[in-house]
Amino acid sequence: MRNTLGDLNNHLFAQLERLSDEELSGDKLAEEITRAKAVTSVASQIIANGSLVLEATRLGNDKMNVDTSLPKMLEG
């Protein structure tokens, strides 16, 4: 099973829904906030990596005057 940027988007929205749960309070809310920070940190690195791959692909395509599809890791 491979993960996609679409999966990442789904995870981020699921995390947002958990944080929006008005019944969460005290320790449970603190745990969810800690989890959200970890998810956000990992998501930021995944997005930065995807941006780097996309930019490298663009630079390579410009240098060689070719038009290719998206890098595999960025396909949905």
N, C-alpha and C. Protein backbone atom coordinates (compact mmCIF):
# COMPACT_ATOMS: atom_id res chain seq x y z
N MET A 1 0.84 -1.18 0.00
CA MET A 1 0.00 0.00 0.00
C MET A 1 0.89 1.25 0.00
N ARG A 2 0.63 2.18 -0.88
CA ARG A 2 1.42 3.40 -0.90
C ARG A 2 0.57 4.59 -0.49
N ASN A 3 1.21 5.54 0.13
CA ASN A 3 0.51 6.74 0.55
C ASN A 3 0.65 7.81 -0.51
N THR A 4 -0.36 8.64 -0.64
CA THR A 4 -0.35 9.71 -1.63
C THR A 4 -0.56 11.05 -0.92
N LEU A 5 -0.39 12.13 -1.67
CA LEU A 5 -0.67 13.45 -1.11
C LEU A 5 -2.16 13.58 -0.79
N GLY A 6 -2.99 12.86 -1.51
CA GLY A 6 -4.41 12.83 -1.19
C GLY A 6 -4.65 12.19 0.18
N ASP A 7 -3.91 11.12 0.46
CA ASP A 7 -4.00 10.48 1.78
C ASP A 7 -3.56 11.46 2.88
N LEU A 8 -2.49 12.18 2.61
CA LEU A 8 -2.01 13.17 3.57
C LEU A 8 -3.10 14.20 3.84
N ASN A 9 -3.72 14.67 2.81
CA ASN A 9 -4.81 15.64 2.95
C ASN A 9 -5.93 15.08 3.83
N ASN A 10 -6.28 13.82 3.60
CA ASN A 10 -7.32 13.17 4.40
C ASN A 10 -6.91 13.08 5.87
N HIS A 11 -5.65 12.73 6.12
CA HIS A 11 -5.15 12.64 7.50
C HIS A 11 -5.20 14.00 8.19
N LEU A 12 -4.83 15.04 7.46
CA LEU A 12 -4.85 16.38 8.04
C LEU A 12 -6.27 16.82 8.40
N PHE A 13 -7.21 16.54 7.52
CA PHE A 13 -8.60 16.90 7.83
C PHE A 13 -9.16 16.05 8.97
N ALA A 14 -8.77 14.79 9.04
CA ALA A 14 -9.20 13.94 10.15
C ALA A 14 -8.65 14.49 11.47
N GLN A 15 -7.40 14.95 11.45
CA GLN A 15 -6.81 15.53 12.65
C GLN A 15 -7.56 16.80 13.06
N LEU A 16 -7.90 17.60 12.08
CA LEU A 16 -8.67 18.82 12.35
C LEU A 16 -10.02 18.49 12.99
N GLU A 17 -10.66 17.44 12.50
CA GLU A 17 -11.94 17.02 13.08
C GLU A 17 -11.77 16.57 14.52
N ARG A 18 -10.68 15.84 14.81
CA ARG A 18 -10.45 15.40 16.19
C ARG A 18 -10.22 16.60 17.10
N LEU A 19 -9.48 17.60 16.61
CA LEU A 19 -9.24 18.79 17.41
C LEU A 19 -10.51 19.61 17.62
N SER A 20 -11.45 19.48 16.71
CA SER A 20 -12.71 20.24 16.80
C SER A 20 -13.74 19.58 17.71
N ASP A 21 -13.43 18.40 18.22
CA ASP A 21 -14.35 17.68 19.10
C ASP A 21 -14.51 18.46 20.40
N GLU A 22 -15.68 19.04 20.59
CA GLU A 22 -15.93 19.88 21.77
C GLU A 22 -15.99 19.08 23.07
N GLU A 23 -16.09 17.77 22.96
CA GLU A 23 -16.13 16.93 24.16
C GLU A 23 -14.73 16.64 24.70
N LEU A 24 -13.70 16.94 23.91
CA LEU A 24 -12.33 16.73 24.37
C LEU A 24 -11.95 17.83 25.36
N SER A 25 -11.35 17.42 26.46
CA SER A 25 -10.88 18.41 27.42
C SER A 25 -9.77 17.78 28.27
N GLY A 26 -9.11 18.61 29.03
CA GLY A 26 -8.08 18.14 29.95
C GLY A 26 -6.97 17.37 29.26
N ASP A 27 -6.64 16.22 29.85
CA ASP A 27 -5.54 15.40 29.34
C ASP A 27 -5.79 14.89 27.93
N LYS A 28 -7.03 14.54 27.64
CA LYS A 28 -7.35 14.03 26.29
C LYS A 28 -7.12 15.12 25.24
N LEU A 29 -7.50 16.34 25.55
CA LEU A 29 -7.27 17.46 24.63
C LEU A 29 -5.77 17.72 24.49
N ALA A 30 -5.05 17.68 25.59
CA ALA A 30 -3.59 17.88 25.55
C ALA A 30 -2.92 16.81 24.69
N GLU A 31 -3.36 15.55 24.81
CA GLU A 31 -2.82 14.47 24.00
C GLU A 31 -3.09 14.72 22.51
N GLU A 32 -4.30 15.16 22.21
CA GLU A 32 -4.67 15.40 20.81
C GLU A 32 -3.88 16.57 20.24
N ILE A 33 -3.63 17.59 21.03
CA ILE A 33 -2.82 18.72 20.58
C ILE A 33 -1.38 18.26 20.30
N THR A 34 -0.84 17.43 21.18
CA THR A 34 0.50 16.89 20.96
C THR A 34 0.55 16.06 19.68
N ARG A 35 -0.47 15.24 19.48
CA ARG A 35 -0.56 14.42 18.26
C ARG A 35 -0.65 15.33 17.03
N ALA A 36 -1.45 16.38 17.11
CA ALA A 36 -1.62 17.30 15.98
C ALA A 36 -0.29 17.97 15.62
N LYS A 37 0.47 18.34 16.64
CA LYS A 37 1.79 18.94 16.38
C LYS A 37 2.71 17.96 15.67
N ALA A 38 2.68 16.70 16.07
CA ALA A 38 3.52 15.69 15.43
C ALA A 38 3.07 15.45 13.99
N VAL A 39 1.77 15.36 13.77
CA VAL A 39 1.23 15.16 12.42
C VAL A 39 1.61 16.33 11.53
N THR A 40 1.47 17.54 12.06
CA THR A 40 1.81 18.75 11.30
C THR A 40 3.28 18.77 10.93
N SER A 41 4.13 18.38 11.85
CA SER A 41 5.57 18.36 11.60
C SER A 41 5.92 17.38 10.47
N VAL A 42 5.37 16.18 10.55
CA VAL A 42 5.63 15.18 9.51
C VAL A 42 5.04 15.64 8.17
N ALA A 43 3.82 16.17 8.20
CA ALA A 43 3.18 16.64 6.98
C ALA A 43 3.99 17.74 6.32
N SER A 44 4.54 18.64 7.11
CA SER A 44 5.36 19.72 6.56
C SER A 44 6.59 19.17 5.84
N GLN A 45 7.20 18.14 6.40
CA GLN A 45 8.36 17.54 5.76
C GLN A 45 7.98 16.82 4.46
N ILE A 46 6.84 16.15 4.46
CA ILE A 46 6.38 15.48 3.25
C ILE A 46 6.11 16.51 2.15
N ILE A 47 5.46 17.60 2.51
CA ILE A 47 5.15 18.65 1.54
C ILE A 47 6.43 19.30 1.02
N ALA A 48 7.38 19.57 1.92
CA ALA A 48 8.66 20.16 1.50
C ALA A 48 9.40 19.22 0.55
N ASN A 49 9.38 17.93 0.84
CA ASN A 49 10.04 16.95 -0.02
C ASN A 49 9.37 16.92 -1.39
N GLY A 50 8.05 16.93 -1.42
CA GLY A 50 7.32 16.95 -2.70
C GLY A 50 7.63 18.20 -3.50
N SER A 51 7.72 19.33 -2.82
CA SER A 51 8.06 20.59 -3.50
C SER A 51 9.46 20.54 -4.10
N LEU A 52 10.39 19.97 -3.37
CA LEU A 52 11.76 19.83 -3.87
C LEU A 52 11.81 18.93 -5.10
N VAL A 53 11.12 17.82 -5.05
CA VAL A 53 11.08 16.90 -6.20
C VAL A 53 10.44 17.59 -7.40
N LEU A 54 9.36 18.31 -7.18
CA LEU A 54 8.69 19.00 -8.28
C LEU A 54 9.60 20.07 -8.89
N GLU A 55 10.27 20.85 -8.05
CA GLU A 55 11.17 21.88 -8.56
C GLU A 55 12.34 21.27 -9.32
N ALA A 56 12.90 20.19 -8.82
CA ALA A 56 14.00 19.52 -9.51
C ALA A 56 13.53 19.00 -10.87
N THR A 57 12.33 18.47 -10.91
CA THR A 57 11.77 17.97 -12.18
C THR A 57 11.58 19.12 -13.16
N ARG A 58 11.06 20.22 -12.68
CA ARG A 58 10.88 21.40 -13.55
C ARG A 58 12.21 21.89 -14.10
N LEU A 59 13.20 21.99 -13.22
CA LEU A 59 14.53 22.45 -13.67
C LEU A 59 15.11 21.50 -14.71
N GLY A 60 14.98 20.21 -14.46
CA GLY A 60 15.49 19.22 -15.42
C GLY A 60 14.76 19.30 -16.74
N ASN A 61 13.45 19.47 -16.70
CA ASN A 61 12.66 19.56 -17.92
C ASN A 61 13.01 20.83 -18.70
N ASP A 62 13.19 21.94 -17.99
CA ASP A 62 13.55 23.20 -18.65
C ASP A 62 14.91 23.09 -19.34
N LYS A 63 15.86 22.47 -18.66
CA LYS A 63 17.22 22.33 -19.23
C LYS A 63 17.21 21.47 -20.49
N MET A 64 16.37 20.44 -20.49
CA MET A 64 16.36 19.50 -21.61
C MET A 64 15.25 19.82 -22.61
N ASN A 65 14.49 20.89 -22.36
CA ASN A 65 13.37 21.26 -23.23
C ASN A 65 12.41 20.10 -23.47
N VAL A 66 12.05 19.43 -22.41
CA VAL A 66 11.08 18.33 -22.50
C VAL A 66 9.91 18.62 -21.57
N ASP A 67 8.82 18.02 -21.89
CA ASP A 67 7.64 18.14 -21.04
C ASP A 67 7.26 16.73 -20.62
N THR A 68 7.44 16.43 -19.35
CA THR A 68 7.10 15.09 -18.86
C THR A 68 6.00 15.19 -17.82
N SER A 69 5.50 14.05 -17.42
CA SER A 69 4.45 14.02 -16.41
C SER A 69 5.05 14.29 -15.03
N LEU A 70 4.18 14.40 -14.04
CA LEU A 70 4.61 14.61 -12.67
C LEU A 70 5.48 13.47 -12.18
N PRO A 71 6.38 13.72 -11.26
CA PRO A 71 7.13 12.63 -10.63
C PRO A 71 6.15 11.66 -9.98
N LYS A 72 6.49 10.39 -9.96
CA LYS A 72 5.59 9.36 -9.44
C LYS A 72 5.11 9.65 -8.02
N MET A 73 6.01 10.18 -7.18
CA MET A 73 5.61 10.41 -5.79
C MET A 73 4.56 11.50 -5.65
N LEU A 74 4.37 12.32 -6.70
CA LEU A 74 3.38 13.39 -6.62
C LEU A 74 2.06 13.03 -7.30
N GLU A 75 2.02 11.86 -7.91
CA GLU A 75 0.78 11.44 -8.55
C GLU A 75 -0.23 11.08 -7.48
N GLY A 76 -1.48 11.36 -7.77
CA GLY A 76 -2.55 11.11 -6.79
C GLY A 76 -3.00 9.73 -6.79
